[in-house]
Amino acid sequence: MTADEIKDYCRSKKMITEENPFGDIPICFKLKGKIFAQLYPYEYDYKITLKCTVDAGQFFRMAYPEKVVRGYQSNNRIGIQYF
């Protein structure tokens, strides 16, 4: 998915807000005031951090070890480094 496709998908959900609490980057998508996705759309550092359960995070890190890593400063998030 492209950054624009990810933004459009997140924006299409009900009760979602798009914010930039840390500056221009990352673009954060929140549900009920809680961040569930952080998008880093730069071409040289294109990634997304998604909130998920611990089990889901472990599964995706094992299934895609070169693409999915633990999210930056996140206990229960996964980070997808490349698409």
N, C-alpha and C. Protein backbone atom coordinates (compact mmCIF):
# COMPACT_ATOMS: atom_id res chain seq x y z
N MET A 1 0.84 -1.18 0.00
CA MET A 1 0.00 0.00 0.00
C MET A 1 0.88 1.24 0.00
N THR A 2 0.40 2.25 -0.64
CA THR A 2 1.11 3.53 -0.62
C THR A 2 0.69 4.31 0.63
N ALA A 3 1.42 5.35 0.93
CA ALA A 3 1.08 6.19 2.08
C ALA A 3 -0.31 6.80 1.90
N ASP A 4 -0.64 7.22 0.69
CA ASP A 4 -1.97 7.79 0.44
C ASP A 4 -3.07 6.76 0.63
N GLU A 5 -2.83 5.53 0.22
CA GLU A 5 -3.83 4.47 0.42
C GLU A 5 -4.03 4.18 1.90
N ILE A 6 -2.95 4.18 2.66
CA ILE A 6 -3.05 3.95 4.10
C ILE A 6 -3.83 5.09 4.76
N LYS A 7 -3.52 6.34 4.39
CA LYS A 7 -4.24 7.48 4.94
C LYS A 7 -5.72 7.40 4.60
N ASP A 8 -6.05 7.11 3.35
CA ASP A 8 -7.45 7.01 2.93
C ASP A 8 -8.17 5.91 3.70
N TYR A 9 -7.51 4.78 3.89
CA TYR A 9 -8.12 3.67 4.62
C TYR A 9 -8.41 4.09 6.06
N CYS A 10 -7.42 4.67 6.73
CA CYS A 10 -7.62 5.08 8.12
C CYS A 10 -8.70 6.15 8.23
N ARG A 11 -8.70 7.12 7.31
CA ARG A 11 -9.69 8.19 7.33
C ARG A 11 -11.11 7.68 7.08
N SER A 12 -11.24 6.54 6.41
CA SER A 12 -12.57 6.01 6.07
C SER A 12 -13.27 5.38 7.28
N LYS A 13 -12.54 5.13 8.35
CA LYS A 13 -13.11 4.50 9.54
C LYS A 13 -13.85 5.53 10.39
N LYS A 14 -14.89 5.09 11.07
CA LYS A 14 -15.69 5.97 11.92
C LYS A 14 -14.91 6.36 13.17
N MET A 15 -15.12 7.61 13.60
CA MET A 15 -14.57 8.13 14.85
C MET A 15 -13.05 8.19 14.87
N ILE A 16 -12.41 8.25 13.72
CA ILE A 16 -10.95 8.33 13.63
C ILE A 16 -10.53 9.79 13.50
N THR A 17 -9.47 10.16 14.21
CA THR A 17 -8.89 11.48 14.05
C THR A 17 -7.46 11.32 13.55
N GLU A 18 -7.04 12.29 12.77
CA GLU A 18 -5.67 12.31 12.25
C GLU A 18 -4.96 13.48 12.92
N GLU A 19 -3.85 13.21 13.57
CA GLU A 19 -3.15 14.24 14.31
C GLU A 19 -1.64 14.14 14.10
N ASN A 20 -0.95 15.21 14.48
CA ASN A 20 0.51 15.25 14.42
C ASN A 20 1.03 15.72 15.78
N PRO A 21 0.90 14.89 16.82
CA PRO A 21 1.31 15.33 18.16
C PRO A 21 2.81 15.44 18.35
N PHE A 22 3.60 14.87 17.45
CA PHE A 22 5.06 14.87 17.59
C PHE A 22 5.74 15.73 16.53
N GLY A 23 5.00 16.58 15.84
CA GLY A 23 5.52 17.35 14.72
C GLY A 23 4.91 16.83 13.43
N ASP A 24 5.52 17.15 12.31
CA ASP A 24 4.97 16.72 11.01
C ASP A 24 4.96 15.21 10.85
N ILE A 25 5.96 14.56 11.41
CA ILE A 25 6.10 13.11 11.28
C ILE A 25 6.26 12.53 12.67
N PRO A 26 5.60 11.47 13.01
CA PRO A 26 4.71 10.65 12.19
C PRO A 26 3.30 11.24 12.13
N ILE A 27 2.56 10.78 11.14
CA ILE A 27 1.14 11.09 11.05
C ILE A 27 0.44 10.04 11.91
N CYS A 28 -0.30 10.49 12.92
CA CYS A 28 -0.92 9.56 13.86
C CYS A 28 -2.43 9.49 13.62
N PHE A 29 -2.95 8.29 13.67
CA PHE A 29 -4.38 8.06 13.58
C PHE A 29 -4.84 7.54 14.92
N LYS A 30 -5.91 8.18 15.45
CA LYS A 30 -6.38 7.84 16.79
C LYS A 30 -7.84 7.41 16.76
N LEU A 31 -8.16 6.51 17.67
CA LEU A 31 -9.53 6.10 17.93
C LEU A 31 -9.79 6.35 19.40
N LYS A 32 -10.77 7.19 19.69
CA LYS A 32 -11.10 7.55 21.08
C LYS A 32 -9.88 8.10 21.82
N GLY A 33 -9.09 8.91 21.11
CA GLY A 33 -7.94 9.55 21.73
C GLY A 33 -6.70 8.70 21.87
N LYS A 34 -6.75 7.45 21.42
CA LYS A 34 -5.60 6.54 21.54
C LYS A 34 -5.02 6.26 20.15
N ILE A 35 -3.71 6.37 20.02
CA ILE A 35 -3.04 6.12 18.74
C ILE A 35 -3.11 4.64 18.39
N PHE A 36 -3.56 4.33 17.17
CA PHE A 36 -3.52 2.94 16.71
C PHE A 36 -2.63 2.77 15.49
N ALA A 37 -2.25 3.87 14.85
CA ALA A 37 -1.35 3.79 13.69
C ALA A 37 -0.50 5.05 13.62
N GLN A 38 0.78 4.85 13.33
CA GLN A 38 1.71 5.95 13.11
C GLN A 38 2.37 5.72 11.76
N LEU A 39 2.20 6.67 10.87
CA LEU A 39 2.71 6.54 9.50
C LEU A 39 3.91 7.46 9.30
N TYR A 40 4.99 6.89 8.80
CA TYR A 40 6.21 7.63 8.44
C TYR A 40 6.32 7.56 6.93
N PRO A 41 5.83 8.57 6.20
CA PRO A 41 5.70 8.45 4.74
C PRO A 41 6.93 8.83 3.92
N TYR A 42 8.06 9.11 4.54
CA TYR A 42 9.24 9.47 3.76
C TYR A 42 9.72 8.30 2.91
N GLU A 43 10.13 8.58 1.69
CA GLU A 43 10.61 7.52 0.79
C GLU A 43 11.84 6.82 1.35
N TYR A 44 12.70 7.54 2.01
CA TYR A 44 13.94 6.94 2.54
C TYR A 44 13.71 6.22 3.87
N ASP A 45 12.55 6.39 4.48
CA ASP A 45 12.26 5.75 5.77
C ASP A 45 10.76 5.46 5.86
N TYR A 46 10.25 4.72 4.88
CA TYR A 46 8.82 4.46 4.75
C TYR A 46 8.42 3.32 5.65
N LYS A 47 7.58 3.61 6.66
CA LYS A 47 7.14 2.56 7.57
C LYS A 47 5.86 2.98 8.26
N ILE A 48 5.24 2.01 8.92
CA ILE A 48 4.04 2.25 9.70
C ILE A 48 4.15 1.42 10.98
N THR A 49 3.68 2.00 12.07
CA THR A 49 3.61 1.29 13.34
C THR A 49 2.13 1.11 13.65
N LEU A 50 1.73 -0.11 13.95
CA LEU A 50 0.33 -0.44 14.20
C LEU A 50 0.17 -1.05 15.58
N LYS A 51 -0.89 -0.67 16.26
CA LYS A 51 -1.18 -1.27 17.56
C LYS A 51 -1.83 -2.63 17.34
N CYS A 52 -1.42 -3.60 18.13
CA CYS A 52 -1.99 -4.94 18.02
C CYS A 52 -1.78 -5.68 19.33
N THR A 53 -2.30 -6.87 19.42
CA THR A 53 -2.08 -7.69 20.61
C THR A 53 -0.65 -8.22 20.60
N VAL A 54 -0.19 -8.63 21.75
CA VAL A 54 1.14 -9.21 21.86
C VAL A 54 1.25 -10.45 20.98
N ASP A 55 0.23 -11.31 21.01
CA ASP A 55 0.25 -12.53 20.20
C ASP A 55 0.31 -12.22 18.71
N ALA A 56 -0.48 -11.24 18.27
CA ALA A 56 -0.46 -10.87 16.85
C ALA A 56 0.91 -10.32 16.47
N GLY A 57 1.49 -9.51 17.33
CA GLY A 57 2.82 -8.97 17.06
C GLY A 57 3.86 -10.06 16.91
N GLN A 58 3.83 -11.03 17.81
CA GLN A 58 4.79 -12.14 17.73
C GLN A 58 4.57 -12.95 16.46
N PHE A 59 3.31 -13.20 16.12
CA PHE A 59 3.01 -13.96 14.91
C PHE A 59 3.57 -13.27 13.67
N PHE A 60 3.28 -11.99 13.52
CA PHE A 60 3.74 -11.28 12.32
C PHE A 60 5.26 -11.12 12.28
N ARG A 61 5.89 -10.95 13.44
CA ARG A 61 7.36 -10.88 13.45
C ARG A 61 7.98 -12.21 13.06
N MET A 62 7.34 -13.33 13.45
CA MET A 62 7.86 -14.65 13.06
C MET A 62 7.55 -14.95 11.60
N ALA A 63 6.37 -14.56 11.12
CA ALA A 63 5.98 -14.85 9.75
C ALA A 63 6.74 -13.99 8.74
N TYR A 64 7.07 -12.76 9.11
CA TYR A 64 7.74 -11.83 8.20
C TYR A 64 8.93 -11.18 8.90
N PRO A 65 9.96 -11.95 9.25
CA PRO A 65 11.06 -11.43 10.06
C PRO A 65 11.86 -10.30 9.42
N GLU A 66 11.88 -10.21 8.12
CA GLU A 66 12.64 -9.15 7.47
C GLU A 66 11.81 -7.89 7.26
N LYS A 67 10.51 -7.99 7.44
CA LYS A 67 9.62 -6.85 7.20
C LYS A 67 9.01 -6.29 8.47
N VAL A 68 8.75 -7.14 9.46
CA VAL A 68 8.02 -6.72 10.66
C VAL A 68 8.95 -6.79 11.87
N VAL A 69 9.04 -5.68 12.57
CA VAL A 69 9.87 -5.60 13.76
C VAL A 69 9.04 -4.96 14.88
N ARG A 70 9.55 -5.06 16.10
CA ARG A 70 8.86 -4.41 17.22
C ARG A 70 8.85 -2.91 16.98
N GLY A 71 7.72 -2.28 17.24
CA GLY A 71 7.59 -0.85 17.04
C GLY A 71 8.48 -0.06 17.99
N TYR A 72 8.87 1.10 17.57
CA TYR A 72 9.73 1.99 18.35
C TYR A 72 9.02 2.35 19.65
N GLN A 73 9.64 2.10 20.78
CA GLN A 73 9.12 2.38 22.12
C GLN A 73 7.70 1.86 22.30
N SER A 74 7.44 0.64 21.86
CA SER A 74 6.10 0.09 21.93
C SER A 74 6.14 -1.31 22.51
N ASN A 75 5.31 -1.55 23.49
CA ASN A 75 5.21 -2.89 24.06
C ASN A 75 4.31 -3.79 23.24
N ASN A 76 3.21 -3.25 22.76
CA ASN A 76 2.25 -4.08 22.05
C ASN A 76 1.97 -3.52 20.66
N ARG A 77 3.00 -3.07 20.00
CA ARG A 77 2.85 -2.57 18.64
C ARG A 77 3.82 -3.31 17.74
N ILE A 78 3.47 -3.33 16.47
CA ILE A 78 4.40 -3.89 15.50
C ILE A 78 4.75 -2.79 14.52
N GLY A 79 5.93 -2.84 13.99
CA GLY A 79 6.36 -1.87 12.99
C GLY A 79 6.67 -2.60 11.70
N ILE A 80 6.09 -2.14 10.63
CA ILE A 80 6.39 -2.73 9.34
C ILE A 80 7.40 -1.81 8.67
N GLN A 81 8.61 -2.32 8.51
CA GLN A 81 9.69 -1.47 8.02
C GLN A 81 9.62 -1.19 6.52
N TYR A 82 9.20 -2.16 5.74
CA TYR A 82 9.17 -1.98 4.29
C TYR A 82 7.87 -2.58 3.76
N PHE A 83 7.42 -2.07 2.63
CA PHE A 83 6.21 -2.60 2.02
C PHE A 83 6.57 -3.32 0.74
